[in-house]
Amino acid sequence: MTTPKTSHFFAHLSRLKLINRWPLMRNVRTENVSEHSLQVAFVAHALAVIKNRKFGGQLNVERIALMAMYHDASEVLTGDMPTPTKYYNPQITVEYKKIEKIAQQKLVAMLTPELQADFQPFIDDSYYDEDTRKLIKQADVLCAYLKTIEELSAGNNEFKLAKQRLEKTLSIYQSPEMNYFMQVFVPSFQLSLDEITFD
């Protein structure tokens, strides 16, 4: 049996913790892409469960959680581009999406050939169906919104306009499962540890 070739895939993924989000804004607490990805996986999984349990969905919740976990993996190669820059005009958005696609393909290519087909559907977002893409986007925007709540609760008004912008984005992506999540889970993010512990 031949020894498989060394792969740098997971060594790269481990560096997601070194890439900070919100790079142009002053943060009370810095958030990195690794922790953001885990939170998006938590929220996407929850949205999928809520959709299935309460609103007649038939989603594969585990698959969605995995897709959400890997949704920003390519940023280990591209870095995190600030949203105002990424969406400044359509041409920048199109070009950034091309760079993102190349980074996704490069990440997949780092895996040994026998594993590539197993990971590609999670890393390469062209494999996402439209419902999955929307749900993961909802989770992504929700997590950014939660970050603004945390920063504003800590007295950082730098995030005031970002919160307003994200509220508009959330209204575009609204769905019964997202509205449920907003009503049931989001209010706690404005409370202190004592308030969420001893309620």
N, C-alpha and C. Protein backbone atom coordinates (compact mmCIF):
# COMPACT_ATOMS: atom_id res chain seq x y z
N MET A 1 0.85 -1.19 0.00
CA MET A 1 0.00 0.00 0.00
C MET A 1 0.89 1.24 0.00
N THR A 2 0.63 2.15 -0.94
CA THR A 2 1.45 3.35 -1.03
C THR A 2 1.00 4.40 -0.01
N THR A 3 1.96 5.18 0.46
CA THR A 3 1.65 6.26 1.40
C THR A 3 0.99 7.41 0.64
N PRO A 4 -0.17 7.91 1.13
CA PRO A 4 -0.82 9.01 0.41
C PRO A 4 0.02 10.28 0.48
N LYS A 5 -0.16 11.12 -0.52
CA LYS A 5 0.54 12.40 -0.59
C LYS A 5 0.06 13.30 0.54
N THR A 6 0.96 14.10 1.09
CA THR A 6 0.61 15.05 2.15
C THR A 6 -0.36 16.11 1.61
N SER A 7 -1.37 16.43 2.41
CA SER A 7 -2.35 17.46 2.04
C SER A 7 -2.28 18.63 3.03
N HIS A 8 -2.34 19.84 2.49
CA HIS A 8 -2.31 21.04 3.33
C HIS A 8 -3.71 21.58 3.63
N PHE A 9 -4.75 20.81 3.28
CA PHE A 9 -6.13 21.29 3.40
C PHE A 9 -6.48 21.72 4.83
N PHE A 10 -6.30 20.83 5.79
CA PHE A 10 -6.71 21.16 7.16
C PHE A 10 -5.76 22.14 7.83
N ALA A 11 -4.51 22.16 7.40
CA ALA A 11 -3.58 23.18 7.90
C ALA A 11 -4.06 24.57 7.47
N HIS A 12 -4.58 24.65 6.23
CA HIS A 12 -5.15 25.92 5.79
C HIS A 12 -6.40 26.27 6.58
N LEU A 13 -7.33 25.31 6.71
CA LEU A 13 -8.57 25.59 7.44
C LEU A 13 -8.30 26.06 8.86
N SER A 14 -7.25 25.52 9.49
CA SER A 14 -6.96 25.92 10.87
C SER A 14 -6.58 27.39 10.96
N ARG A 15 -6.19 27.98 9.83
CA ARG A 15 -5.81 29.40 9.82
C ARG A 15 -7.01 30.34 9.67
N LEU A 16 -8.20 29.80 9.54
CA LEU A 16 -9.39 30.66 9.50
C LEU A 16 -9.51 31.47 10.78
N LYS A 17 -8.96 30.93 11.86
CA LYS A 17 -9.02 31.66 13.14
C LYS A 17 -8.13 32.90 13.13
N LEU A 18 -7.25 33.00 12.15
CA LEU A 18 -6.35 34.17 12.06
C LEU A 18 -6.92 35.28 11.18
N ILE A 19 -8.06 35.01 10.54
CA ILE A 19 -8.66 36.01 9.65
C ILE A 19 -9.79 36.70 10.38
N ASN A 20 -9.62 37.97 10.64
CA ASN A 20 -10.62 38.73 11.38
C ASN A 20 -11.71 39.25 10.45
N ARG A 21 -12.92 39.21 10.97
CA ARG A 21 -14.07 39.81 10.26
C ARG A 21 -14.21 41.27 10.68
N TRP A 22 -15.01 42.02 9.94
CA TRP A 22 -15.25 43.43 10.21
C TRP A 22 -13.92 44.21 10.25
N PRO A 23 -13.04 44.02 9.26
CA PRO A 23 -11.68 44.58 9.36
C PRO A 23 -11.59 46.10 9.33
N LEU A 24 -12.61 46.78 8.82
CA LEU A 24 -12.54 48.25 8.76
C LEU A 24 -13.22 48.91 9.95
N MET A 25 -13.74 48.10 10.87
CA MET A 25 -14.50 48.66 11.99
C MET A 25 -13.82 48.37 13.32
N ARG A 26 -13.96 49.34 14.22
CA ARG A 26 -13.44 49.15 15.58
C ARG A 26 -14.36 48.17 16.29
N ASN A 27 -13.79 47.12 16.86
CA ASN A 27 -14.55 46.07 17.53
C ASN A 27 -14.25 46.07 19.03
N VAL A 28 -15.27 45.89 19.84
CA VAL A 28 -15.05 45.66 21.27
C VAL A 28 -14.36 44.31 21.45
N ARG A 29 -14.84 43.31 20.68
CA ARG A 29 -14.22 42.00 20.68
C ARG A 29 -14.10 41.53 19.24
N THR A 30 -12.89 41.22 18.84
CA THR A 30 -12.64 40.79 17.47
C THR A 30 -13.27 39.42 17.21
N GLU A 31 -13.87 39.28 16.04
CA GLU A 31 -14.48 38.02 15.63
C GLU A 31 -13.68 37.47 14.45
N ASN A 32 -13.35 36.18 14.49
CA ASN A 32 -12.61 35.61 13.36
C ASN A 32 -13.53 34.72 12.52
N VAL A 33 -13.06 34.36 11.34
CA VAL A 33 -13.88 33.59 10.40
C VAL A 33 -14.20 32.20 10.92
N SER A 34 -13.29 31.61 11.68
CA SER A 34 -13.53 30.27 12.21
C SER A 34 -14.73 30.26 13.16
N GLU A 35 -14.75 31.19 14.11
CA GLU A 35 -15.87 31.20 15.06
C GLU A 35 -17.17 31.64 14.38
N HIS A 36 -17.07 32.55 13.41
CA HIS A 36 -18.25 32.95 12.65
C HIS A 36 -18.85 31.74 11.92
N SER A 37 -17.99 30.95 11.31
CA SER A 37 -18.46 29.78 10.55
C SER A 37 -19.20 28.80 11.45
N LEU A 38 -18.70 28.60 12.64
CA LEU A 38 -19.38 27.69 13.58
C LEU A 38 -20.74 28.26 13.98
N GLN A 39 -20.80 29.55 14.25
CA GLN A 39 -22.08 30.15 14.63
C GLN A 39 -23.08 30.07 13.47
N VAL A 40 -22.62 30.30 12.24
CA VAL A 40 -23.51 30.19 11.08
C VAL A 40 -24.01 28.75 10.96
N ALA A 41 -23.15 27.77 11.23
CA ALA A 41 -23.59 26.36 11.19
C ALA A 41 -24.66 26.10 12.24
N PHE A 42 -24.47 26.64 13.46
CA PHE A 42 -25.48 26.50 14.52
C PHE A 42 -26.82 27.06 14.04
N VAL A 43 -26.78 28.29 13.52
CA VAL A 43 -28.02 29.00 13.16
C VAL A 43 -28.67 28.37 11.93
N ALA A 44 -27.88 27.99 10.93
CA ALA A 44 -28.44 27.35 9.74
C ALA A 44 -29.11 26.03 10.11
N HIS A 45 -28.46 25.27 10.98
CA HIS A 45 -29.05 24.02 11.46
C HIS A 45 -30.38 24.30 12.15
N ALA A 46 -30.40 25.32 13.01
CA ALA A 46 -31.63 25.68 13.72
C ALA A 46 -32.73 26.10 12.76
N LEU A 47 -32.39 26.93 11.77
CA LEU A 47 -33.39 27.37 10.79
C LEU A 47 -33.97 26.18 10.04
N ALA A 48 -33.12 25.23 9.68
CA ALA A 48 -33.58 24.05 8.96
C ALA A 48 -34.50 23.19 9.84
N VAL A 49 -34.12 23.02 11.11
CA VAL A 49 -34.96 22.26 12.05
C VAL A 49 -36.31 22.94 12.22
N ILE A 50 -36.29 24.27 12.41
CA ILE A 50 -37.54 25.03 12.59
C ILE A 50 -38.42 24.89 11.36
N LYS A 51 -37.81 25.01 10.18
CA LYS A 51 -38.59 24.88 8.93
C LYS A 51 -39.24 23.50 8.85
N ASN A 52 -38.49 22.45 9.20
CA ASN A 52 -39.03 21.09 9.14
C ASN A 52 -40.11 20.86 10.18
N ARG A 53 -39.89 21.31 11.41
CA ARG A 53 -40.82 21.02 12.51
C ARG A 53 -42.09 21.86 12.46
N LYS A 54 -41.94 23.13 12.04
CA LYS A 54 -43.07 24.05 12.18
C LYS A 54 -43.69 24.49 10.86
N PHE A 55 -42.93 24.38 9.76
CA PHE A 55 -43.42 24.98 8.52
C PHE A 55 -43.38 24.03 7.32
N GLY A 56 -43.46 22.73 7.59
CA GLY A 56 -43.62 21.75 6.53
C GLY A 56 -42.40 21.50 5.65
N GLY A 57 -41.22 21.87 6.12
CA GLY A 57 -40.01 21.65 5.33
C GLY A 57 -39.58 20.19 5.35
N GLN A 58 -38.73 19.84 4.39
CA GLN A 58 -38.17 18.49 4.32
C GLN A 58 -36.68 18.58 4.03
N LEU A 59 -36.01 19.44 4.78
CA LEU A 59 -34.60 19.71 4.55
C LEU A 59 -33.72 18.67 5.25
N ASN A 60 -32.56 18.42 4.69
CA ASN A 60 -31.54 17.58 5.32
C ASN A 60 -30.74 18.49 6.25
N VAL A 61 -31.11 18.51 7.53
CA VAL A 61 -30.55 19.50 8.46
C VAL A 61 -29.05 19.29 8.70
N GLU A 62 -28.61 18.04 8.72
CA GLU A 62 -27.18 17.78 8.94
C GLU A 62 -26.35 18.27 7.76
N ARG A 63 -26.83 18.05 6.55
CA ARG A 63 -26.13 18.51 5.35
C ARG A 63 -26.04 20.04 5.33
N ILE A 64 -27.13 20.68 5.70
CA ILE A 64 -27.14 22.15 5.73
C ILE A 64 -26.15 22.67 6.77
N ALA A 65 -26.09 22.01 7.93
CA ALA A 65 -25.13 22.43 8.95
C ALA A 65 -23.70 22.34 8.43
N LEU A 66 -23.39 21.26 7.71
CA LEU A 66 -22.04 21.10 7.15
C LEU A 66 -21.75 22.16 6.08
N MET A 67 -22.72 22.42 5.21
CA MET A 67 -22.52 23.44 4.18
C MET A 67 -22.28 24.80 4.83
N ALA A 68 -23.04 25.10 5.87
CA ALA A 68 -22.86 26.37 6.57
C ALA A 68 -21.50 26.44 7.25
N MET A 69 -21.04 25.32 7.79
CA MET A 69 -19.75 25.28 8.46
C MET A 69 -18.62 25.64 7.48
N TYR A 70 -18.76 25.20 6.24
CA TYR A 70 -17.72 25.45 5.23
C TYR A 70 -17.99 26.69 4.37
N HIS A 71 -19.08 27.43 4.62
CA HIS A 71 -19.52 28.45 3.67
C HIS A 71 -18.49 29.56 3.42
N ASP A 72 -17.63 29.84 4.38
CA ASP A 72 -16.60 30.87 4.21
C ASP A 72 -15.19 30.29 4.17
N ALA A 73 -15.07 28.99 3.95
CA ALA A 73 -13.75 28.35 3.99
C ALA A 73 -12.78 28.97 3.00
N SER A 74 -13.26 29.41 1.85
CA SER A 74 -12.37 29.99 0.84
C SER A 74 -11.72 31.29 1.31
N GLU A 75 -12.27 31.89 2.36
CA GLU A 75 -11.67 33.14 2.87
C GLU A 75 -10.29 32.92 3.48
N VAL A 76 -9.93 31.65 3.71
CA VAL A 76 -8.57 31.38 4.18
C VAL A 76 -7.56 31.75 3.09
N LEU A 77 -8.02 31.79 1.84
CA LEU A 77 -7.16 32.18 0.73
C LEU A 77 -7.41 33.62 0.26
N THR A 78 -8.64 34.09 0.41
CA THR A 78 -8.99 35.43 -0.09
C THR A 78 -8.99 36.50 0.99
N GLY A 79 -9.10 36.09 2.25
CA GLY A 79 -9.34 37.05 3.32
C GLY A 79 -10.81 37.42 3.34
N ASP A 80 -11.21 38.21 4.32
CA ASP A 80 -12.60 38.65 4.44
C ASP A 80 -12.71 40.05 3.86
N MET A 81 -13.39 40.18 2.73
CA MET A 81 -13.57 41.50 2.13
C MET A 81 -14.76 42.19 2.80
N PRO A 82 -14.59 43.44 3.26
CA PRO A 82 -15.70 44.15 3.90
C PRO A 82 -16.90 44.25 2.96
N THR A 83 -18.10 44.06 3.51
CA THR A 83 -19.33 44.09 2.72
C THR A 83 -19.48 45.37 1.90
N PRO A 84 -19.23 46.56 2.47
CA PRO A 84 -19.39 47.77 1.65
C PRO A 84 -18.48 47.78 0.42
N THR A 85 -17.32 47.15 0.52
CA THR A 85 -16.41 47.07 -0.62
C THR A 85 -16.90 46.01 -1.60
N LYS A 86 -17.26 44.84 -1.07
CA LYS A 86 -17.67 43.71 -1.91
C LYS A 86 -18.88 44.06 -2.77
N TYR A 87 -19.79 44.86 -2.21
CA TYR A 87 -21.02 45.21 -2.93
C TYR A 87 -21.06 46.68 -3.33
N TYR A 88 -19.89 47.30 -3.45
CA TYR A 88 -19.82 48.72 -3.82
C TYR A 88 -20.45 48.97 -5.19
N ASN A 89 -20.16 48.10 -6.15
CA ASN A 89 -20.82 48.16 -7.46
C ASN A 89 -20.86 46.75 -8.04
N PRO A 90 -21.71 46.53 -9.03
CA PRO A 90 -21.88 45.16 -9.57
C PRO A 90 -20.59 44.56 -10.13
N GLN A 91 -19.74 45.38 -10.72
CA GLN A 91 -18.50 44.85 -11.31
C GLN A 91 -17.58 44.27 -10.24
N ILE A 92 -17.44 44.99 -9.11
CA ILE A 92 -16.61 44.48 -8.01
C ILE A 92 -17.20 43.17 -7.49
N THR A 93 -18.51 43.13 -7.34
CA THR A 93 -19.17 41.92 -6.83
C THR A 93 -18.90 40.73 -7.75
N VAL A 94 -19.04 40.92 -9.05
CA VAL A 94 -18.82 39.84 -10.02
C VAL A 94 -17.37 39.36 -9.96
N GLU A 95 -16.44 40.30 -9.91
CA GLU A 95 -15.01 39.93 -9.89
C GLU A 95 -14.65 39.21 -8.59
N TYR A 96 -15.22 39.68 -7.47
CA TYR A 96 -14.94 39.01 -6.20
C TYR A 96 -15.49 37.58 -6.21
N LYS A 97 -16.68 37.40 -6.81
CA LYS A 97 -17.26 36.05 -6.88
C LYS A 97 -16.36 35.13 -7.71
N LYS A 98 -15.73 35.65 -8.75
CA LYS A 98 -14.79 34.85 -9.55
C LYS A 98 -13.59 34.44 -8.70
N ILE A 99 -13.06 35.38 -7.93
CA ILE A 99 -11.92 35.09 -7.05
C ILE A 99 -12.32 34.04 -6.01
N GLU A 100 -13.51 34.20 -5.45
CA GLU A 100 -14.03 33.26 -4.45
C GLU A 100 -14.13 31.85 -5.05
N LYS A 101 -14.63 31.76 -6.28
CA LYS A 101 -14.78 30.46 -6.94
C LYS A 101 -13.42 29.79 -7.15
N ILE A 102 -12.42 30.57 -7.59
CA ILE A 102 -11.06 30.03 -7.78
C ILE A 102 -10.52 29.52 -6.45
N ALA A 103 -10.75 30.28 -5.37
CA ALA A 103 -10.27 29.88 -4.04
C ALA A 103 -10.96 28.59 -3.59
N GLN A 104 -12.26 28.47 -3.85
CA GLN A 104 -12.98 27.24 -3.49
C GLN A 104 -12.39 26.04 -4.23
N GLN A 105 -12.12 26.21 -5.51
CA GLN A 105 -11.56 25.12 -6.31
C GLN A 105 -10.15 24.76 -5.84
N LYS A 106 -9.38 25.78 -5.47
CA LYS A 106 -8.02 25.53 -4.98
C LYS A 106 -8.04 24.75 -3.67
N LEU A 107 -8.97 25.11 -2.79
CA LEU A 107 -9.11 24.38 -1.52
C LEU A 107 -9.43 22.91 -1.77
N VAL A 108 -10.40 22.66 -2.63
CA VAL A 108 -10.78 21.28 -2.94
C VAL A 108 -9.58 20.52 -3.51
N ALA A 109 -8.82 21.18 -4.37
CA ALA A 109 -7.67 20.54 -5.01
C ALA A 109 -6.57 20.18 -4.01
N MET A 110 -6.58 20.81 -2.83
CA MET A 110 -5.59 20.49 -1.80
C MET A 110 -5.84 19.11 -1.17
N LEU A 111 -7.07 18.64 -1.27
CA LEU A 111 -7.40 17.33 -0.71
C LEU A 111 -6.81 16.21 -1.57
N THR A 112 -6.61 15.06 -0.98
CA THR A 112 -6.18 13.91 -1.77
C THR A 112 -7.32 13.57 -2.74
N PRO A 113 -6.99 13.07 -3.94
CA PRO A 113 -8.02 12.85 -4.97
C PRO A 113 -9.21 12.02 -4.51
N GLU A 114 -8.96 11.02 -3.66
CA GLU A 114 -10.06 10.14 -3.25
C GLU A 114 -11.05 10.83 -2.30
N LEU A 115 -10.67 12.00 -1.75
CA LEU A 115 -11.57 12.72 -0.83
C LEU A 115 -12.25 13.92 -1.47
N GLN A 116 -11.78 14.35 -2.59
CA GLN A 116 -12.28 15.60 -3.19
C GLN A 116 -13.79 15.59 -3.43
N ALA A 117 -14.32 14.50 -3.95
CA ALA A 117 -15.75 14.44 -4.26
C ALA A 117 -16.61 14.52 -3.00
N ASP A 118 -16.06 14.11 -1.86
CA ASP A 118 -16.82 14.16 -0.60
C ASP A 118 -16.89 15.57 -0.03
N PHE A 119 -15.86 16.36 -0.27
CA PHE A 119 -15.80 17.71 0.30
C PHE A 119 -16.30 18.80 -0.65
N GLN A 120 -16.18 18.56 -1.95
CA GLN A 120 -16.52 19.60 -2.92
C GLN A 120 -17.94 20.15 -2.76
N PRO A 121 -18.97 19.31 -2.52
CA PRO A 121 -20.32 19.86 -2.40
C PRO A 121 -20.51 20.81 -1.21
N PHE A 122 -19.61 20.76 -0.22
CA PHE A 122 -19.71 21.65 0.94
C PHE A 122 -18.92 22.93 0.74
N ILE A 123 -17.80 22.84 0.03
CA ILE A 123 -16.91 23.98 -0.14
C ILE A 123 -17.28 24.82 -1.36
N ASP A 124 -17.67 24.16 -2.44
CA ASP A 124 -18.01 24.84 -3.69
C ASP A 124 -19.50 25.17 -3.68
N ASP A 125 -19.83 26.46 -3.54
CA ASP A 125 -21.23 26.84 -3.37
C ASP A 125 -22.07 26.67 -4.64
N SER A 126 -21.46 26.33 -5.77
CA SER A 126 -22.26 26.07 -6.97
C SER A 126 -23.03 24.74 -6.82
N TYR A 127 -22.71 23.94 -5.82
CA TYR A 127 -23.42 22.70 -5.54
C TYR A 127 -24.67 22.93 -4.69
N TYR A 128 -24.83 24.14 -4.15
CA TYR A 128 -25.98 24.42 -3.28
C TYR A 128 -27.23 24.59 -4.14
N ASP A 129 -28.34 23.98 -3.74
CA ASP A 129 -29.60 24.28 -4.40
C ASP A 129 -30.11 25.62 -3.87
N GLU A 130 -31.11 26.18 -4.51
CA GLU A 130 -31.55 27.55 -4.20
C GLU A 130 -32.08 27.67 -2.77
N ASP A 131 -32.83 26.67 -2.28
CA ASP A 131 -33.36 26.72 -0.91
C ASP A 131 -32.23 26.69 0.12
N THR A 132 -31.23 25.85 -0.12
CA THR A 132 -30.09 25.76 0.79
C THR A 132 -29.30 27.05 0.78
N ARG A 133 -29.07 27.59 -0.42
CA ARG A 133 -28.33 28.85 -0.55
C ARG A 133 -29.02 29.97 0.24
N LYS A 134 -30.34 30.04 0.11
CA LYS A 134 -31.10 31.09 0.80
C LYS A 134 -31.02 30.90 2.32
N LEU A 135 -31.18 29.66 2.77
CA LEU A 135 -31.16 29.40 4.20
C LEU A 135 -29.79 29.73 4.81
N ILE A 136 -28.72 29.36 4.13
CA ILE A 136 -27.37 29.66 4.64
C ILE A 136 -27.12 31.16 4.62
N LYS A 137 -27.62 31.84 3.61
CA LYS A 137 -27.50 33.31 3.56
C LYS A 137 -28.26 33.93 4.73
N GLN A 138 -29.45 33.42 5.02
CA GLN A 138 -30.21 33.91 6.17
C GLN A 138 -29.40 33.76 7.45
N ALA A 139 -28.81 32.58 7.63
CA ALA A 139 -28.02 32.32 8.83
C ALA A 139 -26.81 33.25 8.89
N ASP A 140 -26.16 33.45 7.76
CA ASP A 140 -24.98 34.32 7.68
C ASP A 140 -25.34 35.76 8.07
N VAL A 141 -26.44 36.26 7.51
CA VAL A 141 -26.88 37.63 7.81
C VAL A 141 -27.33 37.73 9.27
N LEU A 142 -28.04 36.71 9.74
CA LEU A 142 -28.47 36.71 11.15
C LEU A 142 -27.27 36.80 12.10
N CYS A 143 -26.22 36.04 11.79
CA CYS A 143 -25.03 36.05 12.66
C CYS A 143 -24.33 37.41 12.62
N ALA A 144 -24.29 38.04 11.45
CA ALA A 144 -23.72 39.40 11.37
C ALA A 144 -24.58 40.36 12.19
N TYR A 145 -25.89 40.20 12.11
CA TYR A 145 -26.81 41.04 12.88
C TYR A 145 -26.59 40.84 14.39
N LEU A 146 -26.41 39.59 14.81
CA LEU A 146 -26.15 39.32 16.23
C LEU A 146 -24.86 39.98 16.69
N LYS A 147 -23.87 40.01 15.81
CA LYS A 147 -22.60 40.69 16.14
C LYS A 147 -22.86 42.18 16.38
N THR A 148 -23.70 42.81 15.56
CA THR A 148 -23.98 44.24 15.75
C THR A 148 -24.70 44.47 17.08
N ILE A 149 -25.60 43.56 17.44
CA ILE A 149 -26.30 43.69 18.73
C ILE A 149 -25.30 43.61 19.88
N GLU A 150 -24.39 42.65 19.81
CA GLU A 150 -23.38 42.48 20.87
C GLU A 150 -22.49 43.72 20.98
N GLU A 151 -22.06 44.24 19.86
CA GLU A 151 -21.18 45.42 19.87
C GLU A 151 -21.93 46.65 20.40
N LEU A 152 -23.17 46.84 19.96
CA LEU A 152 -23.96 47.99 20.44
C LEU A 152 -24.27 47.84 21.93
N SER A 153 -24.53 46.63 22.38
CA SER A 153 -24.80 46.39 23.81
C SER A 153 -23.58 46.70 24.66
N ALA A 154 -22.39 46.59 24.05
CA ALA A 154 -21.15 46.91 24.76
C ALA A 154 -20.78 48.39 24.60
N GLY A 155 -21.67 49.17 23.99
CA GLY A 155 -21.45 50.61 23.88
C GLY A 155 -20.68 51.05 22.65
N ASN A 156 -20.51 50.15 21.68
CA ASN A 156 -19.76 50.49 20.48
C ASN A 156 -20.70 50.95 19.37
N ASN A 157 -20.85 52.27 19.24
CA ASN A 157 -21.76 52.84 18.25
C ASN A 157 -21.24 52.73 16.82
N GLU A 158 -20.03 52.22 16.65
CA GLU A 158 -19.46 51.98 15.32
C GLU A 158 -20.38 51.05 14.51
N PHE A 159 -21.16 50.21 15.21
CA PHE A 159 -21.98 49.21 14.55
C PHE A 159 -23.44 49.65 14.35
N LYS A 160 -23.74 50.90 14.65
CA LYS A 160 -25.12 51.39 14.55
C LYS A 160 -25.65 51.32 13.12
N LEU A 161 -24.91 51.86 12.17
CA LEU A 161 -25.36 51.85 10.77
C LEU A 161 -25.33 50.44 10.19
N ALA A 162 -24.36 49.63 10.60
CA ALA A 162 -24.29 48.24 10.14
C ALA A 162 -25.55 47.49 10.57
N LYS A 163 -26.02 47.73 11.79
CA LYS A 163 -27.24 47.07 12.28
C LYS A 163 -28.44 47.48 11.43
N GLN A 164 -28.54 48.78 11.11
CA GLN A 164 -29.66 49.25 10.28
C GLN A 164 -29.61 48.63 8.88
N ARG A 165 -28.40 48.54 8.31
CA ARG A 165 -28.24 47.94 6.99
C ARG A 165 -28.63 46.46 7.02
N LEU A 166 -28.22 45.77 8.09
CA LEU A 166 -28.53 44.34 8.19
C LEU A 166 -30.02 44.10 8.45
N GLU A 167 -30.68 45.02 9.14
CA GLU A 167 -32.13 44.89 9.33
C GLU A 167 -32.85 44.94 7.98
N LYS A 168 -32.37 45.81 7.08
CA LYS A 168 -32.95 45.87 5.74
C LYS A 168 -32.69 44.57 4.98
N THR A 169 -31.48 44.04 5.11
CA THR A 169 -31.14 42.78 4.44
C THR A 169 -31.99 41.63 4.99
N LEU A 170 -32.18 41.61 6.31
CA LEU A 170 -33.00 40.56 6.92
C LEU A 170 -34.44 40.62 6.40
N SER A 171 -34.95 41.83 6.16
CA SER A 171 -36.32 41.95 5.65
C SER A 171 -36.44 41.38 4.24
N ILE A 172 -35.35 41.44 3.47
CA ILE A 172 -35.35 40.86 2.12
C ILE A 172 -35.37 39.33 2.19
N TYR A 173 -34.64 38.77 3.16
CA TYR A 173 -34.50 37.31 3.26
C TYR A 173 -35.50 36.68 4.22
N GLN A 174 -36.48 37.44 4.69
CA GLN A 174 -37.36 36.91 5.73
C GLN A 174 -38.13 35.66 5.26
N SER A 175 -38.41 34.82 6.24
CA SER A 175 -39.16 33.58 6.02
C SER A 175 -39.80 33.23 7.36
N PRO A 176 -40.77 32.33 7.37
CA PRO A 176 -41.38 31.96 8.66
C PRO A 176 -40.36 31.43 9.67
N GLU A 177 -39.41 30.60 9.19
CA GLU A 177 -38.42 30.05 10.13
C GLU A 177 -37.47 31.12 10.65
N MET A 178 -37.11 32.08 9.81
CA MET A 178 -36.24 33.15 10.27
C MET A 178 -36.99 34.07 11.24
N ASN A 179 -38.25 34.37 10.95
CA ASN A 179 -39.05 35.19 11.86
C ASN A 179 -39.19 34.50 13.22
N TYR A 180 -39.39 33.20 13.21
CA TYR A 180 -39.47 32.42 14.45
C TYR A 180 -38.17 32.55 15.24
N PHE A 181 -37.04 32.36 14.56
CA PHE A 181 -35.73 32.47 15.22
C PHE A 181 -35.55 33.87 15.81
N MET A 182 -35.93 34.88 15.05
CA MET A 182 -35.79 36.27 15.52
C MET A 182 -36.62 36.51 16.78
N GLN A 183 -37.83 35.99 16.81
CA GLN A 183 -38.72 36.21 17.96
C GLN A 183 -38.29 35.43 19.19
N VAL A 184 -37.83 34.20 18.98
CA VAL A 184 -37.57 33.30 20.11
C VAL A 184 -36.15 33.42 20.65
N PHE A 185 -35.16 33.56 19.76
CA PHE A 185 -33.76 33.47 20.19
C PHE A 185 -32.98 34.78 20.21
N VAL A 186 -33.33 35.71 19.34
CA VAL A 186 -32.51 36.93 19.22
C VAL A 186 -32.61 37.85 20.43
N PRO A 187 -33.77 38.03 21.08
CA PRO A 187 -33.83 38.97 22.21
C PRO A 187 -32.81 38.70 23.31
N SER A 188 -32.43 37.45 23.53
CA SER A 188 -31.47 37.10 24.58
C SER A 188 -30.09 37.70 24.35
N PHE A 189 -29.77 38.01 23.11
CA PHE A 189 -28.44 38.55 22.80
C PHE A 189 -28.26 39.97 23.33
N GLN A 190 -29.34 40.60 23.75
CA GLN A 190 -29.25 41.94 24.32
C GLN A 190 -29.17 41.92 25.84
N LEU A 191 -29.15 40.72 26.42
CA LEU A 191 -29.17 40.58 27.87
C LEU A 191 -27.79 40.25 28.42
N SER A 192 -27.62 40.47 29.71
CA SER A 192 -26.36 40.14 30.38
C SER A 192 -26.32 38.65 30.70
N LEU A 193 -25.14 38.17 31.11
CA LEU A 193 -25.00 36.76 31.49
C LEU A 193 -25.94 36.41 32.64
N ASP A 194 -26.04 37.27 33.65
CA ASP A 194 -26.94 37.00 34.77
C ASP A 194 -28.38 36.89 34.30
N GLU A 195 -28.77 37.75 33.36
CA GLU A 195 -30.16 37.75 32.89
C GLU A 195 -30.49 36.48 32.11
N ILE A 196 -29.54 35.95 31.35
CA ILE A 196 -29.84 34.72 30.60
C ILE A 196 -29.61 33.47 31.44
N THR A 197 -28.95 33.61 32.59
CA THR A 197 -28.66 32.47 33.45
C THR A 197 -29.73 32.28 34.51
N PHE A 198 -30.20 33.38 35.11
CA PHE A 198 -31.09 33.28 36.26
C PHE A 198 -32.50 33.72 35.95
N ASP A 199 -32.90 33.66 34.70
CA ASP A 199 -34.26 34.07 34.31
C ASP A 199 -35.26 33.03 34.79
